[in-house]
């Protein structure tokens, strides 16, 4: 096995395994949603096949594409979000993973076209502010990708609510992008409940900055 083959195998296994996190945290239904990962040092990505049920996913049916969505290795058609995610990888070189979900609470905010306001310290930690809303875009080409890049290039958030659609999240790795998707749904639910009880209290911008810096640069094992 060549080094390239070993890299493809490792990423296929990782991307396949991470899809189980989407079902574990109830972020997807049926065949909707996907995880992708950039192939290091190559203009390639690994992504879920289109329309394949989560319990039928295997490392072997993950698809390798170039950064324009063309299949270079695999026996299945790639996810319908491939062009959009390929656009993200082309224009955000620091991104190593992209995730798409239609998780219930976050997508409800997307349906309203409303950012999730930063009223929780956990939001300040992970998102550095509000979770922003991206523009409406049709599926099937790179239009969604353009909206993702446009919106997240102006935000510290690793997640965006694409209007009338759902959540896209990015990360340095595919696992980090999955984490952002999980956290996005969690805060979307909590803030929704808080608004049923009354008006959530804002966090001052300087405190958001302090919390974000601590979480990103100090928290955890180094």
N, C-alpha and C. Protein backbone atom coordinates (compact mmCIF):
# COMPACT_ATOMS: atom_id res chain seq x y z
N UNK A 1 0.84 -1.20 0.00
CA UNK A 1 0.00 0.00 0.00
C UNK A 1 0.88 1.25 0.00
N UNK A 2 0.63 2.17 -0.92
CA UNK A 2 1.40 3.40 -0.99
C UNK A 2 0.97 4.36 0.12
N UNK A 3 1.77 5.42 0.32
CA UNK A 3 1.42 6.42 1.33
C UNK A 3 0.09 7.09 0.98
N UNK A 4 -0.14 7.33 -0.32
CA UNK A 4 -1.39 7.95 -0.76
C UNK A 4 -2.56 7.03 -0.44
N UNK A 5 -2.41 5.74 -0.74
CA UNK A 5 -3.48 4.78 -0.45
C UNK A 5 -3.77 4.73 1.05
N UNK A 6 -2.71 4.79 1.85
CA UNK A 6 -2.88 4.74 3.31
C UNK A 6 -3.61 5.98 3.81
N UNK A 7 -3.29 7.13 3.21
CA UNK A 7 -3.98 8.37 3.60
C UNK A 7 -5.46 8.30 3.24
N UNK A 8 -5.76 7.83 2.03
CA UNK A 8 -7.16 7.69 1.62
C UNK A 8 -7.90 6.75 2.57
N UNK A 9 -7.27 5.63 2.91
CA UNK A 9 -7.90 4.65 3.80
C UNK A 9 -8.17 5.27 5.16
N UNK A 10 -7.19 5.98 5.71
CA UNK A 10 -7.37 6.58 7.03
C UNK A 10 -8.50 7.60 7.02
N UNK A 11 -8.54 8.44 6.00
CA UNK A 11 -9.58 9.47 5.95
C UNK A 11 -10.95 8.87 5.66
N UNK A 12 -10.99 7.84 4.83
CA UNK A 12 -12.28 7.16 4.60
C UNK A 12 -12.81 6.60 5.91
N UNK A 13 -11.95 6.00 6.69
CA UNK A 13 -12.37 5.43 7.97
C UNK A 13 -12.83 6.52 8.93
N UNK A 14 -12.07 7.63 8.97
CA UNK A 14 -12.43 8.72 9.88
C UNK A 14 -13.74 9.37 9.48
N UNK A 15 -13.91 9.68 8.20
CA UNK A 15 -15.14 10.33 7.74
C UNK A 15 -16.34 9.42 7.96
N UNK A 16 -16.18 8.14 7.68
CA UNK A 16 -17.26 7.18 7.92
C UNK A 16 -17.63 7.16 9.41
N UNK A 17 -16.62 7.08 10.26
CA UNK A 17 -16.86 7.02 11.71
C UNK A 17 -17.54 8.28 12.22
N UNK A 18 -17.15 9.44 11.68
CA UNK A 18 -17.73 10.70 12.17
C UNK A 18 -19.20 10.84 11.81
N UNK A 19 -19.64 10.18 10.74
CA UNK A 19 -21.08 10.23 10.43
C UNK A 19 -21.91 9.64 11.56
N UNK A 20 -21.33 8.68 12.30
CA UNK A 20 -22.06 8.10 13.42
C UNK A 20 -22.29 9.13 14.53
N UNK A 21 -21.44 10.15 14.61
CA UNK A 21 -21.64 11.20 15.60
C UNK A 21 -22.86 12.05 15.24
N UNK A 22 -23.13 12.21 13.95
CA UNK A 22 -24.31 12.99 13.54
C UNK A 22 -25.59 12.29 13.98
N UNK A 23 -25.64 10.97 13.84
CA UNK A 23 -26.83 10.25 14.29
C UNK A 23 -26.86 10.14 15.81
N UNK A 24 -25.70 9.99 16.43
CA UNK A 24 -25.62 9.89 17.90
C UNK A 24 -26.21 11.13 18.55
N UNK A 25 -25.92 12.30 18.00
CA UNK A 25 -26.42 13.55 18.58
C UNK A 25 -27.71 14.04 17.92
N UNK A 26 -28.31 13.18 17.11
CA UNK A 26 -29.61 13.44 16.48
C UNK A 26 -29.61 14.73 15.67
N UNK A 27 -28.56 14.90 14.87
CA UNK A 27 -28.44 16.08 14.02
C UNK A 27 -28.96 15.85 12.61
N UNK A 28 -29.26 14.60 12.25
CA UNK A 28 -29.67 14.27 10.89
C UNK A 28 -30.80 13.24 10.94
N UNK A 29 -31.55 13.15 9.83
CA UNK A 29 -32.55 12.10 9.64
C UNK A 29 -32.37 11.50 8.25
N UNK A 30 -32.77 10.24 8.15
CA UNK A 30 -32.76 9.50 6.88
C UNK A 30 -31.37 9.55 6.24
N UNK A 31 -31.23 10.15 5.04
CA UNK A 31 -29.91 10.22 4.42
C UNK A 31 -29.38 11.66 4.36
N UNK A 32 -30.08 12.59 5.00
CA UNK A 32 -29.67 14.00 4.94
C UNK A 32 -28.38 14.24 5.72
N UNK A 33 -27.64 15.26 5.32
CA UNK A 33 -26.44 15.66 6.04
C UNK A 33 -25.21 14.90 5.60
N UNK A 34 -24.05 15.41 5.98
CA UNK A 34 -22.80 14.78 5.58
C UNK A 34 -21.61 15.38 6.32
N UNK A 35 -20.51 14.63 6.26
CA UNK A 35 -19.22 15.07 6.76
C UNK A 35 -18.22 14.94 5.61
N UNK A 36 -17.31 15.90 5.50
CA UNK A 36 -16.21 15.76 4.55
C UNK A 36 -14.91 16.15 5.22
N UNK A 37 -13.79 15.70 4.64
CA UNK A 37 -12.46 16.03 5.17
C UNK A 37 -11.52 16.33 4.01
N UNK A 38 -10.67 17.31 4.21
CA UNK A 38 -9.63 17.62 3.23
C UNK A 38 -8.54 16.56 3.30
N UNK A 39 -8.01 16.15 2.15
CA UNK A 39 -6.85 15.26 2.09
C UNK A 39 -5.61 16.14 2.24
N UNK A 40 -4.80 15.93 3.28
CA UNK A 40 -3.65 16.81 3.52
C UNK A 40 -2.70 16.85 2.32
N UNK A 41 -2.25 18.06 2.01
CA UNK A 41 -1.23 18.29 0.98
C UNK A 41 -1.68 17.88 -0.42
N UNK A 42 -2.97 17.72 -0.61
CA UNK A 42 -3.49 17.39 -1.93
C UNK A 42 -4.80 18.16 -2.13
N UNK A 43 -5.09 18.54 -3.35
CA UNK A 43 -6.33 19.26 -3.64
C UNK A 43 -7.48 18.28 -3.79
N UNK A 44 -7.76 17.56 -2.69
CA UNK A 44 -8.77 16.51 -2.70
C UNK A 44 -9.55 16.55 -1.39
N UNK A 45 -10.75 15.96 -1.43
CA UNK A 45 -11.56 15.81 -0.23
C UNK A 45 -12.22 14.43 -0.24
N UNK A 46 -12.60 13.98 0.95
CA UNK A 46 -13.34 12.72 1.12
C UNK A 46 -14.71 13.07 1.67
N UNK A 47 -15.77 12.52 1.07
CA UNK A 47 -17.13 12.89 1.46
C UNK A 47 -18.06 11.68 1.36
N UNK A 48 -19.18 11.79 2.05
CA UNK A 48 -20.21 10.76 2.05
C UNK A 48 -20.82 10.59 0.65
N UNK A 49 -21.19 9.36 0.28
CA UNK A 49 -21.91 9.16 -0.98
C UNK A 49 -23.34 9.68 -0.89
N UNK A 50 -23.89 10.07 -2.01
CA UNK A 50 -25.24 10.64 -2.04
C UNK A 50 -26.31 9.58 -1.80
N UNK A 51 -27.26 9.91 -0.93
CA UNK A 51 -28.46 9.09 -0.76
C UNK A 51 -28.26 7.74 -0.13
N UNK A 52 -27.13 7.50 0.53
CA UNK A 52 -26.87 6.22 1.19
C UNK A 52 -27.21 6.36 2.67
N UNK A 53 -27.97 5.42 3.19
CA UNK A 53 -28.41 5.46 4.58
C UNK A 53 -27.21 5.37 5.53
N UNK A 54 -27.33 6.00 6.68
CA UNK A 54 -26.22 6.05 7.63
C UNK A 54 -25.78 4.66 8.09
N UNK A 55 -26.72 3.76 8.24
CA UNK A 55 -26.34 2.42 8.70
C UNK A 55 -25.73 1.57 7.59
N UNK A 56 -25.67 2.12 6.39
CA UNK A 56 -25.03 1.42 5.28
C UNK A 56 -23.69 2.05 4.89
N UNK A 57 -23.28 3.06 5.61
CA UNK A 57 -22.00 3.70 5.29
C UNK A 57 -20.83 2.83 5.73
N UNK A 58 -19.85 2.74 4.87
CA UNK A 58 -18.61 2.01 5.16
C UNK A 58 -17.45 2.86 4.66
N UNK A 59 -16.24 2.61 5.14
CA UNK A 59 -15.09 3.33 4.59
C UNK A 59 -14.98 3.17 3.08
N UNK A 60 -15.33 2.01 2.57
CA UNK A 60 -15.17 1.75 1.13
C UNK A 60 -16.14 2.55 0.27
N UNK A 61 -17.30 2.96 0.81
CA UNK A 61 -18.20 3.73 -0.05
C UNK A 61 -18.08 5.24 0.14
N UNK A 62 -17.10 5.70 0.94
CA UNK A 62 -16.76 7.12 0.94
C UNK A 62 -16.14 7.47 -0.42
N UNK A 63 -16.31 8.71 -0.84
CA UNK A 63 -15.90 9.12 -2.18
C UNK A 63 -14.81 10.18 -2.10
N UNK A 64 -13.76 10.03 -2.91
CA UNK A 64 -12.68 11.02 -3.00
C UNK A 64 -12.93 11.88 -4.23
N UNK A 65 -12.95 13.20 -4.03
CA UNK A 65 -13.17 14.16 -5.12
C UNK A 65 -12.06 15.18 -5.14
N UNK A 66 -11.90 15.84 -6.29
CA UNK A 66 -11.01 16.99 -6.31
C UNK A 66 -11.78 18.21 -5.78
N UNK A 67 -11.10 19.35 -5.74
CA UNK A 67 -11.72 20.53 -5.13
C UNK A 67 -12.64 21.28 -6.08
N UNK A 68 -13.03 20.60 -7.16
CA UNK A 68 -14.09 21.10 -8.03
C UNK A 68 -15.24 20.08 -8.10
N UNK A 69 -15.18 19.07 -7.20
CA UNK A 69 -16.28 18.12 -7.08
C UNK A 69 -16.22 16.93 -8.02
N UNK A 70 -15.13 16.79 -8.77
CA UNK A 70 -15.01 15.65 -9.69
C UNK A 70 -14.51 14.43 -8.94
N UNK A 71 -15.18 13.30 -9.12
CA UNK A 71 -14.77 12.06 -8.45
C UNK A 71 -13.44 11.58 -9.01
N UNK A 72 -12.50 11.29 -8.11
CA UNK A 72 -11.22 10.74 -8.53
C UNK A 72 -11.01 9.33 -8.00
N UNK A 73 -11.80 8.94 -7.00
CA UNK A 73 -11.69 7.59 -6.48
C UNK A 73 -12.98 7.24 -5.74
N UNK A 74 -13.60 6.15 -6.12
CA UNK A 74 -14.83 5.72 -5.47
C UNK A 74 -15.85 5.23 -6.48
N UNK A 75 -16.73 4.38 -6.01
CA UNK A 75 -17.72 3.75 -6.89
C UNK A 75 -19.10 4.38 -6.79
N UNK A 76 -19.26 5.41 -5.98
CA UNK A 76 -20.55 6.03 -5.77
C UNK A 76 -20.53 7.50 -6.19
N UNK A 77 -21.72 8.02 -6.46
CA UNK A 77 -21.85 9.46 -6.68
C UNK A 77 -21.67 10.16 -5.34
N UNK A 78 -20.94 11.27 -5.31
CA UNK A 78 -20.74 11.97 -4.03
C UNK A 78 -21.98 12.74 -3.60
N UNK A 79 -21.97 13.19 -2.36
CA UNK A 79 -23.05 14.00 -1.80
C UNK A 79 -23.42 15.16 -2.72
N UNK A 80 -24.69 15.52 -2.70
CA UNK A 80 -25.15 16.67 -3.49
C UNK A 80 -24.56 17.98 -2.99
N UNK A 81 -23.95 17.96 -1.80
CA UNK A 81 -23.30 19.16 -1.26
C UNK A 81 -21.83 19.25 -1.64
N UNK A 82 -21.34 18.34 -2.48
CA UNK A 82 -19.91 18.30 -2.77
C UNK A 82 -19.41 19.59 -3.39
N UNK A 83 -20.11 20.12 -4.38
CA UNK A 83 -19.65 21.35 -5.03
C UNK A 83 -19.55 22.50 -4.03
N UNK A 84 -20.53 22.59 -3.14
CA UNK A 84 -20.52 23.66 -2.13
C UNK A 84 -19.33 23.50 -1.19
N UNK A 85 -19.09 22.27 -0.73
CA UNK A 85 -18.01 22.06 0.21
C UNK A 85 -16.65 22.18 -0.47
N UNK A 86 -16.56 21.76 -1.73
CA UNK A 86 -15.32 21.94 -2.48
C UNK A 86 -14.98 23.42 -2.59
N UNK A 87 -15.99 24.26 -2.79
CA UNK A 87 -15.77 25.71 -2.86
C UNK A 87 -15.18 26.22 -1.55
N UNK A 88 -15.71 25.72 -0.43
CA UNK A 88 -15.18 26.12 0.88
C UNK A 88 -13.71 25.76 0.99
N UNK A 89 -13.36 24.53 0.62
CA UNK A 89 -11.95 24.11 0.71
C UNK A 89 -11.05 24.94 -0.20
N UNK A 90 -11.54 25.30 -1.37
CA UNK A 90 -10.72 26.10 -2.29
C UNK A 90 -10.44 27.49 -1.74
N UNK A 91 -11.41 28.05 -1.05
CA UNK A 91 -11.31 29.46 -0.65
C UNK A 91 -10.98 29.65 0.83
N UNK A 92 -10.95 28.58 1.61
CA UNK A 92 -10.59 28.68 3.03
C UNK A 92 -9.54 27.61 3.32
N UNK A 93 -8.29 27.88 2.99
CA UNK A 93 -7.26 26.84 3.08
C UNK A 93 -7.00 26.32 4.48
N UNK A 94 -7.42 27.06 5.52
CA UNK A 94 -7.24 26.58 6.89
C UNK A 94 -8.28 25.53 7.27
N UNK A 95 -9.32 25.35 6.47
CA UNK A 95 -10.39 24.41 6.80
C UNK A 95 -9.99 22.99 6.41
N UNK A 96 -10.12 22.08 7.38
CA UNK A 96 -9.80 20.68 7.12
C UNK A 96 -11.02 19.78 7.12
N UNK A 97 -12.17 20.32 7.54
CA UNK A 97 -13.39 19.52 7.57
C UNK A 97 -14.62 20.41 7.45
N UNK A 98 -15.65 19.88 6.79
CA UNK A 98 -16.93 20.58 6.64
C UNK A 98 -18.05 19.60 6.98
N UNK A 99 -19.07 20.10 7.67
CA UNK A 99 -20.22 19.28 8.06
C UNK A 99 -21.49 20.02 7.69
N UNK A 100 -22.49 19.24 7.26
CA UNK A 100 -23.81 19.81 6.98
C UNK A 100 -24.86 19.01 7.71
N UNK A 101 -25.76 19.70 8.42
CA UNK A 101 -26.87 19.03 9.09
C UNK A 101 -28.14 19.87 8.90
N UNK A 102 -29.28 19.22 9.19
CA UNK A 102 -30.55 19.92 9.28
C UNK A 102 -31.08 19.77 10.70
N UNK A 103 -30.21 19.92 11.68
CA UNK A 103 -30.61 19.70 13.07
C UNK A 103 -31.76 20.64 13.44
N UNK A 104 -32.68 20.13 14.24
CA UNK A 104 -34.01 20.73 14.39
C UNK A 104 -33.99 22.18 14.86
N UNK A 105 -33.37 22.43 16.00
CA UNK A 105 -33.45 23.78 16.56
C UNK A 105 -32.65 24.79 15.75
N UNK A 106 -31.45 24.42 15.36
CA UNK A 106 -30.64 25.35 14.56
C UNK A 106 -31.30 25.64 13.22
N UNK A 107 -31.90 24.63 12.61
CA UNK A 107 -32.57 24.84 11.33
C UNK A 107 -33.82 25.70 11.50
N UNK A 108 -34.46 25.62 12.67
CA UNK A 108 -35.60 26.51 12.95
C UNK A 108 -35.15 27.97 12.94
N UNK A 109 -33.98 28.25 13.50
CA UNK A 109 -33.44 29.61 13.43
C UNK A 109 -33.15 29.97 11.98
N UNK A 110 -32.60 29.03 11.21
CA UNK A 110 -32.30 29.29 9.80
C UNK A 110 -33.58 29.58 9.02
N UNK A 111 -34.68 28.89 9.36
CA UNK A 111 -35.95 29.12 8.68
C UNK A 111 -36.47 30.53 8.92
N UNK A 112 -36.12 31.10 10.08
CA UNK A 112 -36.51 32.48 10.39
C UNK A 112 -35.50 33.49 9.85
N UNK A 113 -34.36 32.99 9.38
CA UNK A 113 -33.32 33.89 8.92
C UNK A 113 -32.75 34.73 10.04
N UNK A 114 -32.67 34.13 11.23
CA UNK A 114 -32.27 34.89 12.42
C UNK A 114 -31.01 34.29 13.04
N UNK A 115 -29.97 35.12 13.26
CA UNK A 115 -28.78 34.62 13.95
C UNK A 115 -29.12 34.17 15.36
N UNK A 116 -28.36 33.22 15.87
CA UNK A 116 -28.51 32.82 17.28
C UNK A 116 -27.67 33.79 18.10
N UNK A 117 -28.29 34.58 18.97
CA UNK A 117 -27.53 35.61 19.70
C UNK A 117 -26.62 34.99 20.75
N UNK A 118 -25.48 35.63 20.95
CA UNK A 118 -24.49 35.12 21.91
C UNK A 118 -24.90 35.54 23.32
N UNK A 119 -25.70 34.69 23.94
CA UNK A 119 -26.19 34.98 25.30
C UNK A 119 -25.75 33.90 26.29
N UNK A 120 -24.83 33.04 25.88
CA UNK A 120 -24.31 31.96 26.72
C UNK A 120 -22.79 31.98 26.67
N UNK A 121 -22.16 31.73 27.83
CA UNK A 121 -20.69 31.71 27.83
C UNK A 121 -20.17 30.62 26.89
N UNK A 122 -20.89 29.51 26.78
CA UNK A 122 -20.46 28.44 25.88
C UNK A 122 -20.45 28.91 24.43
N UNK A 123 -21.38 29.80 24.08
CA UNK A 123 -21.38 30.36 22.73
C UNK A 123 -20.17 31.25 22.52
N UNK A 124 -19.86 32.06 23.52
CA UNK A 124 -18.67 32.91 23.42
C UNK A 124 -17.42 32.05 23.24
N UNK A 125 -17.34 30.97 24.00
CA UNK A 125 -16.20 30.06 23.90
C UNK A 125 -16.02 29.51 22.48
N UNK A 126 -17.06 28.91 21.97
CA UNK A 126 -16.99 28.13 20.73
C UNK A 126 -17.14 29.00 19.48
N UNK A 127 -18.05 29.99 19.55
CA UNK A 127 -18.42 30.73 18.34
C UNK A 127 -17.89 32.16 18.31
N UNK A 128 -17.43 32.66 19.45
CA UNK A 128 -16.87 34.01 19.48
C UNK A 128 -17.88 35.09 19.20
N UNK A 129 -19.15 34.79 19.40
CA UNK A 129 -20.22 35.74 19.10
C UNK A 129 -21.46 35.02 18.63
N UNK A 130 -22.32 35.74 17.93
CA UNK A 130 -23.54 35.13 17.38
C UNK A 130 -23.19 34.04 16.37
N UNK A 131 -24.10 33.09 16.20
CA UNK A 131 -24.00 32.18 15.05
C UNK A 131 -24.72 32.88 13.90
N UNK A 132 -23.99 33.22 12.83
CA UNK A 132 -24.56 34.07 11.79
C UNK A 132 -25.47 33.32 10.82
N UNK A 133 -26.22 34.09 10.06
CA UNK A 133 -27.08 33.55 9.01
C UNK A 133 -26.46 33.87 7.65
N UNK A 134 -26.40 32.86 6.79
CA UNK A 134 -25.94 33.05 5.43
C UNK A 134 -27.12 33.20 4.48
N UNK A 135 -26.87 33.57 3.24
CA UNK A 135 -27.95 33.85 2.29
C UNK A 135 -28.65 32.60 1.81
N UNK A 136 -29.85 32.77 1.29
CA UNK A 136 -30.55 31.67 0.64
C UNK A 136 -29.80 31.28 -0.63
N UNK A 137 -29.65 29.98 -0.85
CA UNK A 137 -28.96 29.50 -2.05
C UNK A 137 -29.51 28.13 -2.41
N UNK A 138 -29.60 27.85 -3.69
CA UNK A 138 -30.09 26.56 -4.16
C UNK A 138 -29.00 25.50 -4.11
N UNK A 139 -29.42 24.25 -3.95
CA UNK A 139 -28.51 23.11 -3.88
C UNK A 139 -28.14 22.67 -5.30
N UNK A 140 -26.92 22.18 -5.46
CA UNK A 140 -26.55 21.55 -6.73
C UNK A 140 -25.34 22.13 -7.40
N UNK A 141 -24.94 23.36 -6.99
CA UNK A 141 -23.70 23.92 -7.51
C UNK A 141 -22.95 24.54 -6.34
N UNK A 142 -22.07 25.50 -6.61
CA UNK A 142 -21.28 26.05 -5.52
C UNK A 142 -21.91 27.27 -4.85
N UNK A 143 -23.19 27.55 -5.14
CA UNK A 143 -23.84 28.73 -4.58
C UNK A 143 -23.84 28.72 -3.05
N UNK A 144 -24.13 27.57 -2.47
CA UNK A 144 -24.12 27.46 -1.01
C UNK A 144 -22.72 27.70 -0.49
N UNK A 145 -21.73 27.14 -1.15
CA UNK A 145 -20.34 27.35 -0.74
C UNK A 145 -19.97 28.81 -0.74
N UNK A 146 -20.42 29.53 -1.75
CA UNK A 146 -20.13 30.97 -1.80
C UNK A 146 -20.74 31.69 -0.60
N UNK A 147 -21.96 31.30 -0.25
CA UNK A 147 -22.61 31.93 0.91
C UNK A 147 -21.91 31.59 2.20
N UNK A 148 -21.44 30.36 2.33
CA UNK A 148 -20.70 29.95 3.54
C UNK A 148 -19.44 30.77 3.68
N UNK A 149 -18.66 30.84 2.61
CA UNK A 149 -17.38 31.56 2.67
C UNK A 149 -17.61 33.04 2.92
N UNK A 150 -18.58 33.61 2.23
CA UNK A 150 -18.89 35.04 2.41
C UNK A 150 -19.24 35.34 3.86
N UNK A 151 -20.05 34.48 4.47
CA UNK A 151 -20.52 34.73 5.83
C UNK A 151 -19.46 34.45 6.88
N UNK A 152 -18.80 33.30 6.78
CA UNK A 152 -17.84 32.93 7.82
C UNK A 152 -16.53 33.70 7.71
N UNK A 153 -16.25 34.27 6.56
CA UNK A 153 -15.05 35.11 6.43
C UNK A 153 -15.18 36.39 7.25
N UNK A 154 -16.39 36.72 7.65
CA UNK A 154 -16.64 37.93 8.42
C UNK A 154 -17.03 37.63 9.87
N UNK A 155 -16.75 36.40 10.31
CA UNK A 155 -17.18 35.96 11.64
C UNK A 155 -16.15 35.03 12.24
N UNK A 156 -16.12 34.98 13.58
CA UNK A 156 -15.27 33.98 14.25
C UNK A 156 -15.98 32.65 14.37
N UNK A 157 -17.26 32.63 14.07
CA UNK A 157 -18.05 31.40 14.22
C UNK A 157 -17.58 30.32 13.26
N UNK A 158 -17.50 29.07 13.72
CA UNK A 158 -17.25 27.94 12.82
C UNK A 158 -18.54 27.35 12.24
N UNK A 159 -19.67 27.98 12.50
CA UNK A 159 -20.95 27.49 11.99
C UNK A 159 -21.76 28.63 11.40
N UNK A 160 -22.52 28.31 10.38
CA UNK A 160 -23.40 29.28 9.74
C UNK A 160 -24.76 28.64 9.52
N UNK A 161 -25.81 29.40 9.72
CA UNK A 161 -27.16 28.96 9.43
C UNK A 161 -27.52 29.45 8.03
N UNK A 162 -27.51 28.55 7.06
CA UNK A 162 -27.89 28.97 5.71
C UNK A 162 -29.41 29.10 5.66
N UNK A 163 -29.88 30.28 5.26
CA UNK A 163 -31.29 30.63 5.37
C UNK A 163 -32.18 29.62 4.66
N UNK A 164 -33.25 29.19 5.35
CA UNK A 164 -34.23 28.23 4.83
C UNK A 164 -33.63 26.87 4.51
N UNK A 165 -32.44 26.57 5.06
CA UNK A 165 -31.78 25.32 4.68
C UNK A 165 -31.31 24.55 5.91
N UNK A 166 -30.24 24.99 6.52
CA UNK A 166 -29.71 24.24 7.65
C UNK A 166 -28.34 24.75 8.05
N UNK A 167 -27.61 23.91 8.76
CA UNK A 167 -26.33 24.27 9.35
C UNK A 167 -25.18 23.76 8.49
N UNK A 168 -24.18 24.61 8.28
CA UNK A 168 -22.89 24.18 7.77
C UNK A 168 -21.85 24.60 8.80
N UNK A 169 -20.94 23.71 9.12
CA UNK A 169 -19.88 24.04 10.08
C UNK A 169 -18.53 23.64 9.50
N UNK A 170 -17.51 24.34 9.94
CA UNK A 170 -16.15 24.10 9.47
C UNK A 170 -15.24 23.86 10.67
N UNK A 171 -14.06 23.31 10.40
CA UNK A 171 -13.08 23.12 11.46
C UNK A 171 -11.72 22.84 10.88
N UNK A 172 -10.72 22.94 11.73
CA UNK A 172 -9.36 22.60 11.32
C UNK A 172 -9.27 21.14 10.92
N UNK A 173 -10.12 20.32 11.54
CA UNK A 173 -10.26 18.91 11.19
C UNK A 173 -11.74 18.60 11.01
N UNK A 174 -12.02 17.43 10.44
CA UNK A 174 -13.42 17.02 10.30
C UNK A 174 -14.06 16.84 11.66
N UNK A 175 -13.31 16.32 12.62
CA UNK A 175 -13.86 16.14 13.97
C UNK A 175 -14.23 17.50 14.59
N UNK A 176 -13.38 18.50 14.39
CA UNK A 176 -13.68 19.84 14.91
C UNK A 176 -14.95 20.40 14.27
N UNK A 177 -15.14 20.14 12.98
CA UNK A 177 -16.36 20.60 12.30
C UNK A 177 -17.59 19.90 12.86
N UNK A 178 -17.47 18.61 13.19
CA UNK A 178 -18.58 17.88 13.81
C UNK A 178 -18.89 18.47 15.18
N UNK A 179 -17.85 18.75 15.94
CA UNK A 179 -18.06 19.37 17.25
C UNK A 179 -18.84 20.67 17.12
N UNK A 180 -18.47 21.51 16.15
CA UNK A 180 -19.16 22.79 15.96
C UNK A 180 -20.63 22.57 15.62
N UNK A 181 -20.92 21.54 14.82
CA UNK A 181 -22.32 21.24 14.49
C UNK A 181 -23.10 20.79 15.72
N UNK A 182 -22.47 19.98 16.57
CA UNK A 182 -23.11 19.52 17.81
C UNK A 182 -23.39 20.71 18.72
N UNK A 183 -22.37 21.55 18.89
CA UNK A 183 -22.52 22.71 19.77
C UNK A 183 -23.56 23.69 19.24
N UNK A 184 -23.62 23.85 17.92
CA UNK A 184 -24.59 24.76 17.32
C UNK A 184 -26.01 24.33 17.66
N UNK A 185 -26.29 23.05 17.53
CA UNK A 185 -27.64 22.58 17.86
C UNK A 185 -27.93 22.75 19.35
N UNK A 186 -26.94 22.50 20.18
CA UNK A 186 -27.15 22.61 21.62
C UNK A 186 -27.50 24.04 22.02
N UNK A 187 -26.75 25.02 21.52
CA UNK A 187 -27.03 26.40 21.90
C UNK A 187 -28.30 26.91 21.23
N UNK A 188 -28.60 26.42 20.03
CA UNK A 188 -29.85 26.81 19.38
C UNK A 188 -31.05 26.40 20.22
N UNK A 189 -30.98 25.20 20.78
CA UNK A 189 -32.07 24.70 21.63
C UNK A 189 -32.17 25.51 22.92
N UNK A 190 -31.03 25.73 23.57
CA UNK A 190 -31.04 26.44 24.84
C UNK A 190 -31.53 27.88 24.69
N UNK A 191 -31.06 28.57 23.68
CA UNK A 191 -31.48 29.96 23.49
C UNK A 191 -32.96 30.02 23.11
N UNK A 192 -33.42 29.06 22.33
CA UNK A 192 -34.85 29.01 22.00
C UNK A 192 -35.68 28.88 23.29
N UNK A 193 -35.27 27.97 24.16
CA UNK A 193 -36.02 27.78 25.42
C UNK A 193 -35.95 29.04 26.27
N UNK A 194 -34.76 29.66 26.32
CA UNK A 194 -34.63 30.89 27.11
C UNK A 194 -35.59 31.96 26.62
N UNK A 195 -35.79 32.04 25.32
CA UNK A 195 -36.69 33.08 24.79
C UNK A 195 -38.16 32.76 25.09
N UNK A 196 -38.47 31.50 25.33
CA UNK A 196 -39.84 31.19 25.74
C UNK A 196 -40.11 31.67 27.16
N UNK A 197 -39.04 31.78 27.95
CA UNK A 197 -39.17 32.19 29.35
C UNK A 197 -39.07 33.70 29.54
N UNK A 198 -38.48 34.37 28.56
CA UNK A 198 -38.30 35.82 28.68
C UNK A 198 -37.21 36.28 27.72
N UNK A 199 -36.64 37.42 27.98
CA UNK A 199 -35.62 37.99 27.13
C UNK A 199 -34.24 37.58 27.63
N UNK A 200 -33.48 36.79 26.86
CA UNK A 200 -32.12 36.42 27.31
C UNK A 200 -31.25 37.66 27.50
N UNK A 201 -30.35 37.59 28.48
CA UNK A 201 -29.49 38.72 28.79
C UNK A 201 -28.24 38.68 27.90
N UNK A 202 -27.90 39.78 27.27
CA UNK A 202 -26.71 39.80 26.42
C UNK A 202 -25.43 39.72 27.25
N UNK A 203 -24.35 39.30 26.60
CA UNK A 203 -23.02 39.30 27.21
C UNK A 203 -22.23 40.44 26.58
N UNK A 204 -21.56 41.22 27.40
CA UNK A 204 -20.79 42.34 26.89
C UNK A 204 -19.69 41.86 25.94
N UNK A 205 -19.42 42.66 24.90
CA UNK A 205 -18.47 42.26 23.87
C UNK A 205 -17.09 41.95 24.44
N UNK A 206 -16.65 42.74 25.43
CA UNK A 206 -15.32 42.49 25.99
C UNK A 206 -15.27 41.16 26.72
N UNK A 207 -16.38 40.75 27.31
CA UNK A 207 -16.42 39.45 27.97
C UNK A 207 -16.45 38.32 26.94
N UNK A 208 -17.16 38.53 25.84
CA UNK A 208 -17.15 37.54 24.76
C UNK A 208 -15.73 37.34 24.25
N UNK A 209 -15.02 38.44 24.02
CA UNK A 209 -13.64 38.36 23.54
C UNK A 209 -12.76 37.60 24.52
N UNK A 210 -12.91 37.89 25.82
CA UNK A 210 -12.10 37.24 26.84
C UNK A 210 -12.40 35.74 26.91
N UNK A 211 -13.69 35.40 26.89
CA UNK A 211 -14.07 33.99 26.94
C UNK A 211 -13.56 33.22 25.72
N UNK A 212 -13.69 33.84 24.54
CA UNK A 212 -13.24 33.20 23.30
C UNK A 212 -11.73 32.95 23.32
N UNK A 213 -10.99 33.96 23.76
CA UNK A 213 -9.52 33.82 23.81
C UNK A 213 -9.11 32.72 24.78
N UNK A 214 -9.73 32.68 25.94
CA UNK A 214 -9.39 31.64 26.92
C UNK A 214 -9.68 30.26 26.39
N UNK A 215 -10.86 30.09 25.81
CA UNK A 215 -11.26 28.75 25.34
C UNK A 215 -10.40 28.29 24.18
N UNK A 216 -10.08 29.21 23.27
CA UNK A 216 -9.33 28.83 22.07
C UNK A 216 -7.84 28.64 22.36
N UNK A 217 -7.33 29.33 23.36
CA UNK A 217 -5.87 29.36 23.54
C UNK A 217 -5.36 28.80 24.87
N UNK A 218 -6.25 28.59 25.84
CA UNK A 218 -5.81 28.13 27.16
C UNK A 218 -6.49 26.84 27.57
N UNK A 219 -7.80 26.74 27.33
CA UNK A 219 -8.61 25.60 27.79
C UNK A 219 -8.07 24.28 27.26
N UNK A 220 -8.17 23.23 28.06
CA UNK A 220 -7.85 21.88 27.61
C UNK A 220 -6.37 21.55 27.71
N UNK A 221 -6.01 20.41 27.15
CA UNK A 221 -4.62 19.93 27.19
C UNK A 221 -3.84 20.54 26.03
N UNK A 222 -2.64 20.96 26.32
CA UNK A 222 -1.78 21.58 25.29
C UNK A 222 -0.52 20.75 25.07
